[in-house]
N, C-alpha and C. Protein backbone atom coordinates (compact mmCIF):
# COMPACT_ATOMS: atom_id res chain seq x y z
N MET A 1 -29.64 27.47 51.75
CA MET A 1 -29.18 27.56 52.81
C MET A 1 -29.63 26.10 54.59
N SER A 2 -28.77 25.76 54.64
CA SER A 2 -28.59 24.89 55.71
C SER A 2 -28.88 25.24 57.54
N VAL A 3 -29.58 25.64 58.07
CA VAL A 3 -29.99 25.79 59.12
C VAL A 3 -29.94 25.07 60.27
N ILE A 4 -29.04 25.24 61.37
CA ILE A 4 -28.79 23.92 62.24
C ILE A 4 -28.91 25.01 63.83
N LEU A 5 -29.93 24.83 64.66
CA LEU A 5 -29.89 25.46 65.78
C LEU A 5 -29.30 24.81 66.61
N PHE A 6 -28.53 25.92 67.32
CA PHE A 6 -27.47 25.72 68.75
C PHE A 6 -27.97 26.46 69.37
N ARG A 7 -27.99 25.84 70.78
CA ARG A 7 -28.84 26.53 71.61
C ARG A 7 -28.09 28.35 72.03
N HIS A 8 -27.08 28.11 71.69
CA HIS A 8 -26.30 29.55 72.02
C HIS A 8 -26.76 30.39 70.89
N LYS A 9 -27.57 30.23 70.13
CA LYS A 9 -27.61 30.99 69.30
C LYS A 9 -29.06 31.45 68.46
N LEU A 10 -29.84 30.81 69.40
CA LEU A 10 -31.23 30.96 69.71
C LEU A 10 -31.54 32.61 69.79
N ILE A 11 -30.68 33.41 69.98
CA ILE A 11 -30.80 35.14 69.76
C ILE A 11 -30.74 35.35 68.21
N PHE A 12 -29.87 35.13 68.11
CA PHE A 12 -29.31 35.26 66.51
C PHE A 12 -30.49 34.70 65.54
N LEU A 13 -31.50 33.76 65.85
CA LEU A 13 -32.21 33.26 65.64
C LEU A 13 -33.58 34.00 65.12
N VAL A 14 -33.85 34.21 66.53
CA VAL A 14 -34.85 35.71 66.44
C VAL A 14 -34.73 36.48 66.03
N GLY A 15 -33.55 37.26 66.17
CA GLY A 15 -33.28 38.29 65.12
C GLY A 15 -33.13 38.53 63.84
N LEU A 16 -32.88 37.12 63.29
CA LEU A 16 -33.09 36.65 61.82
C LEU A 16 -34.25 36.77 61.23
N GLY A 17 -35.22 36.51 62.53
CA GLY A 17 -36.80 36.44 62.22
C GLY A 17 -37.46 37.51 62.09
N LEU A 18 -36.89 38.59 63.03
CA LEU A 18 -37.06 40.20 62.90
C LEU A 18 -36.97 40.61 62.10
N HIS A 19 -35.68 40.63 61.60
CA HIS A 19 -35.13 40.86 60.27
C HIS A 19 -35.56 40.26 58.93
N LEU A 20 -36.25 39.12 59.04
CA LEU A 20 -37.19 38.94 57.82
C LEU A 20 -38.33 39.63 58.19
N LYS A 21 -39.05 39.62 59.08
CA LYS A 21 -40.39 40.18 59.09
C LYS A 21 -40.04 41.66 58.71
N SER A 22 -38.95 42.50 59.01
CA SER A 22 -39.06 43.71 58.81
C SER A 22 -38.76 43.73 56.92
N LEU A 23 -38.07 43.04 56.26
CA LEU A 23 -37.78 43.14 55.09
C LEU A 23 -39.63 42.54 54.27
N ALA A 24 -39.75 41.79 54.72
CA ALA A 24 -41.36 41.90 54.50
C ALA A 24 -42.20 42.84 54.05
N GLN A 25 -42.34 43.71 54.79
CA GLN A 25 -42.77 44.92 55.40
C GLN A 25 -42.59 45.77 54.16
N LYS A 26 -41.29 45.82 53.74
CA LYS A 26 -40.83 46.68 52.64
C LYS A 26 -41.11 46.24 51.10
N LEU A 27 -41.69 44.81 50.91
CA LEU A 27 -42.28 44.23 50.01
C LEU A 27 -43.37 44.78 49.12
N PRO A 28 -43.36 44.88 48.44
CA PRO A 28 -44.69 45.02 47.47
C PRO A 28 -45.87 43.73 48.01
N GLU A 29 -46.99 43.86 48.17
CA GLU A 29 -48.37 42.82 48.82
C GLU A 29 -47.63 41.48 47.98
N ARG A 30 -47.12 40.25 48.77
CA ARG A 30 -46.72 38.88 48.00
C ARG A 30 -47.76 38.45 49.28
N PHE A 31 -48.08 37.02 48.70
CA PHE A 31 -48.37 35.72 49.15
C PHE A 31 -47.57 34.66 49.64
N ASP A 32 -47.77 34.63 50.56
CA ASP A 32 -47.09 33.40 51.44
C ASP A 32 -47.02 32.26 50.67
N LEU A 33 -46.00 31.46 49.80
CA LEU A 33 -46.34 30.18 48.85
C LEU A 33 -46.80 29.01 49.96
N HIS A 34 -46.68 28.90 51.28
CA HIS A 34 -47.16 27.55 51.88
C HIS A 34 -48.53 28.40 52.39
N GLU A 35 -49.00 29.49 52.65
CA GLU A 35 -50.17 29.67 52.99
C GLU A 35 -50.67 30.71 52.09
N PRO A 36 -51.32 30.16 50.85
CA PRO A 36 -51.61 31.30 49.86
C PRO A 36 -52.33 32.54 50.55
N HIS A 37 -53.16 32.02 51.23
CA HIS A 37 -54.24 33.20 51.61
C HIS A 37 -53.98 34.28 52.30
N ARG A 38 -52.31 33.84 53.08
CA ARG A 38 -51.58 34.92 53.23
C ARG A 38 -50.62 35.93 53.52
N LEU A 39 -50.32 36.99 53.50
CA LEU A 39 -49.75 38.05 52.86
C LEU A 39 -48.71 37.64 53.83
N LEU A 40 -47.11 37.91 52.86
CA LEU A 40 -46.07 37.87 53.95
C LEU A 40 -45.95 38.64 54.71
N ILE A 41 -46.64 40.41 54.82
CA ILE A 41 -45.92 40.94 55.61
C ILE A 41 -47.57 40.70 57.26
N GLU A 42 -48.14 39.62 57.32
CA GLU A 42 -49.05 38.81 58.11
C GLU A 42 -48.27 38.36 58.98
N LEU A 43 -46.95 37.44 58.77
CA LEU A 43 -46.17 36.33 59.21
C LEU A 43 -45.36 37.34 60.39
N THR A 44 -45.54 36.21 61.08
CA THR A 44 -44.43 36.51 62.88
C THR A 44 -43.20 36.47 62.04
N GLU A 45 -42.10 36.79 63.22
CA GLU A 45 -40.80 36.82 62.71
C GLU A 45 -40.83 34.81 62.68
N TYR A 46 -41.58 33.98 63.65
CA TYR A 46 -41.82 32.94 64.20
C TYR A 46 -42.35 31.83 62.86
N GLU A 47 -43.39 32.77 62.36
CA GLU A 47 -43.44 32.23 61.41
C GLU A 47 -42.53 32.09 59.70
N HIS A 48 -41.78 33.25 59.80
CA HIS A 48 -41.01 33.61 58.82
C HIS A 48 -39.56 32.83 59.22
N LEU A 49 -39.05 31.92 60.20
CA LEU A 49 -38.34 31.08 60.55
C LEU A 49 -38.73 29.88 60.41
N HIS A 50 -40.54 29.96 60.45
CA HIS A 50 -40.64 28.12 59.91
C HIS A 50 -40.51 27.97 58.75
N ARG A 51 -40.79 29.20 57.80
CA ARG A 51 -40.72 28.82 56.35
C ARG A 51 -39.14 28.14 55.98
N ILE A 52 -38.32 29.21 56.83
CA ILE A 52 -37.02 28.33 56.32
C ILE A 52 -36.59 26.89 56.76
N PHE A 53 -36.98 26.83 57.89
CA PHE A 53 -37.11 25.38 58.39
C PHE A 53 -37.34 24.28 57.42
N ARG A 54 -38.58 25.04 57.02
CA ARG A 54 -39.26 23.91 56.62
C ARG A 54 -38.81 23.31 55.20
N MET A 55 -38.28 24.54 54.46
CA MET A 55 -36.81 24.12 53.36
C MET A 55 -36.02 23.36 53.64
N CYS A 56 -35.29 23.66 54.61
CA CYS A 56 -34.32 22.96 54.89
C CYS A 56 -34.44 21.36 55.84
N ASN A 57 -35.59 21.16 55.95
CA ASN A 57 -35.75 19.88 56.43
C ASN A 57 -35.12 18.48 56.23
N THR A 58 -34.51 18.46 54.55
CA THR A 58 -34.15 17.34 54.65
C THR A 58 -32.43 17.63 54.77
N HIS A 59 -32.06 19.09 55.06
CA HIS A 59 -30.51 19.35 55.35
C HIS A 59 -30.37 18.68 56.63
N VAL A 60 -31.35 18.89 57.48
CA VAL A 60 -31.78 18.73 59.13
C VAL A 60 -31.45 16.75 59.15
N ALA A 61 -32.53 16.17 58.61
CA ALA A 61 -32.87 14.93 58.56
C ALA A 61 -31.34 14.44 58.29
N ARG A 62 -30.89 14.51 57.35
CA ARG A 62 -29.51 14.12 56.67
C ARG A 62 -28.95 14.07 57.97
N TYR A 63 -28.54 15.41 58.67
CA TYR A 63 -27.71 15.56 59.96
C TYR A 63 -28.01 14.75 60.90
N ILE A 64 -28.99 14.98 61.33
CA ILE A 64 -29.45 13.80 62.12
C ILE A 64 -28.95 12.16 61.97
N ARG A 65 -29.63 11.83 60.93
CA ARG A 65 -29.56 10.85 60.86
C ARG A 65 -27.81 10.16 60.87
N ASN A 66 -27.30 11.40 60.35
CA ASN A 66 -25.66 10.62 59.99
C ASN A 66 -25.04 10.77 61.51
N ALA A 67 -25.59 11.27 62.96
CA ALA A 67 -25.25 11.78 63.80
C ALA A 67 -24.50 10.59 65.01
N ASN A 68 -23.49 10.65 65.43
CA ASN A 68 -23.05 9.65 65.92
C ASN A 68 -23.53 9.69 67.48
N VAL A 69 -25.17 9.17 67.80
CA VAL A 69 -25.61 9.26 68.53
C VAL A 69 -26.46 7.76 69.15
N PRO A 70 -26.82 7.79 69.80
CA PRO A 70 -28.11 6.41 69.93
C PRO A 70 -29.22 6.62 69.07
N GLU A 71 -29.70 5.88 68.74
CA GLU A 71 -31.34 5.98 68.08
C GLU A 71 -32.16 7.37 68.63
N ALA A 72 -32.41 6.69 69.71
CA ALA A 72 -33.18 7.08 71.19
C ALA A 72 -32.70 9.19 71.23
N VAL A 73 -31.18 8.92 71.24
CA VAL A 73 -30.94 10.47 70.85
C VAL A 73 -31.44 11.21 69.35
N ARG A 74 -31.38 10.61 68.51
CA ARG A 74 -31.41 11.01 67.45
C ARG A 74 -33.01 10.98 67.22
N ASN A 75 -34.01 10.55 67.77
CA ASN A 75 -35.46 10.67 67.98
C ASN A 75 -35.75 11.82 68.95
N LYS A 76 -34.96 11.94 69.65
CA LYS A 76 -34.99 13.50 70.51
C LYS A 76 -34.34 14.67 69.64
N MET A 77 -33.29 14.53 69.08
CA MET A 77 -33.27 15.63 67.94
C MET A 77 -34.46 15.55 66.90
N ARG A 78 -34.63 14.41 66.61
CA ARG A 78 -36.07 14.87 65.07
C ARG A 78 -37.51 15.93 65.67
N SER A 79 -37.18 15.46 67.35
CA SER A 79 -38.51 16.12 68.25
C SER A 79 -38.19 17.07 68.08
N LEU A 80 -37.36 17.99 67.90
CA LEU A 80 -37.02 19.57 68.14
C LEU A 80 -37.18 20.71 66.86
N VAL A 81 -37.69 19.34 65.91
CA VAL A 81 -37.61 19.98 64.20
C VAL A 81 -38.98 20.77 64.50
N CYS A 82 -39.46 21.56 64.89
CA CYS A 82 -41.08 21.77 65.14
C CYS A 82 -41.06 23.72 65.25
N VAL A 83 -42.49 24.42 65.28
CA VAL A 83 -42.24 25.08 65.68
C VAL A 83 -42.40 25.97 67.10
N ARG A 84 -42.96 24.54 68.03
CA ARG A 84 -43.41 25.20 69.50
C ARG A 84 -42.60 23.95 70.19
N HIS A 85 -41.86 23.61 71.07
CA HIS A 85 -41.50 22.32 71.74
C HIS A 85 -41.60 22.66 73.24
N ASP A 86 -42.98 21.91 74.18
CA ASP A 86 -42.68 22.16 75.34
C ASP A 86 -41.76 21.78 76.02
N SER A 87 -41.19 21.09 75.87
CA SER A 87 -39.88 20.96 76.91
C SER A 87 -38.53 21.13 76.34
N TRP A 88 -38.65 22.04 75.49
CA TRP A 88 -37.22 22.18 74.77
C TRP A 88 -36.07 22.18 75.28
N ASP A 89 -35.68 22.65 76.84
CA ASP A 89 -34.33 23.57 77.29
C ASP A 89 -34.23 21.26 78.09
N GLU A 90 -35.00 21.15 78.05
CA GLU A 90 -35.01 19.39 78.99
C GLU A 90 -34.21 18.30 77.87
N THR A 91 -35.03 18.48 76.72
CA THR A 91 -34.81 17.69 75.65
C THR A 91 -33.16 18.09 75.21
N LEU A 92 -33.02 19.52 74.47
CA LEU A 92 -31.68 19.54 74.62
C LEU A 92 -30.77 19.35 75.49
N GLN A 93 -31.20 19.39 76.71
CA GLN A 93 -29.87 18.76 78.12
C GLN A 93 -30.15 17.22 77.59
N ALA A 94 -31.15 16.39 77.70
CA ALA A 94 -30.66 14.90 77.52
C ALA A 94 -30.14 14.56 76.22
N ILE A 95 -30.19 15.45 75.09
CA ILE A 95 -29.60 15.17 73.70
C ILE A 95 -27.86 15.16 74.24
N GLN A 96 -27.50 15.64 75.09
CA GLN A 96 -26.49 16.08 75.66
C GLN A 96 -25.87 15.51 76.54
N VAL A 97 -26.65 14.69 77.64
CA VAL A 97 -26.32 13.72 78.39
C VAL A 97 -26.06 12.39 77.71
N GLU A 98 -27.31 11.65 76.86
CA GLU A 98 -27.30 10.70 76.50
C GLU A 98 -26.38 10.42 75.50
N GLY A 99 -26.26 11.50 74.72
CA GLY A 99 -25.39 11.23 73.24
C GLY A 99 -24.05 11.21 73.44
N GLY A 100 -23.54 11.50 74.86
CA GLY A 100 -21.65 11.41 74.74
C GLY A 100 -21.70 12.40 74.01
N LYS A 101 -20.08 12.14 73.53
CA LYS A 101 -19.32 13.40 73.23
C LYS A 101 -20.17 13.84 72.17
N ALA A 102 -20.98 13.03 70.69
CA ALA A 102 -20.97 13.32 69.40
C ALA A 102 -22.45 14.68 70.11
N GLY A 103 -23.63 14.38 71.09
CA GLY A 103 -24.09 14.78 71.51
C GLY A 103 -24.12 16.12 72.64
N ALA A 104 -22.82 16.60 72.83
CA ALA A 104 -22.38 17.63 73.69
C ALA A 104 -22.11 18.59 72.48
N GLY A 105 -22.02 17.80 71.11
CA GLY A 105 -20.90 18.79 70.70
C GLY A 105 -22.00 19.37 69.91
N ASN A 106 -22.62 18.14 69.08
CA ASN A 106 -23.73 18.71 68.13
C ASN A 106 -25.49 18.89 68.00
N VAL A 107 -25.08 19.70 69.14
CA VAL A 107 -26.97 19.83 69.59
C VAL A 107 -27.44 20.75 68.77
N PHE A 108 -28.87 20.95 68.25
CA PHE A 108 -29.09 21.52 67.80
C PHE A 108 -29.09 23.00 68.12
């Protein structure tokens, strides 16, 4: 599954994280593949989403590499592939402005 973040779908993603967390609560005790000392039921909704993003990083990297935007805009796009970003909204706005039509239509 390839996950591309669109700003207007952030609510969906938080909901997805909450759904994954609720599913993990129903499972028998299972350890996390990325942090084997932690149980899945201990993960937050954001940590569940981080696992999905980690798995599809190759797809996101390919999408960014093929985007028809200047390299500086690609670098900003790459900076968004993280768990926490201190200037998320400002970076999205810069991608939309500096990336022209492609940046405005293909923002994470």
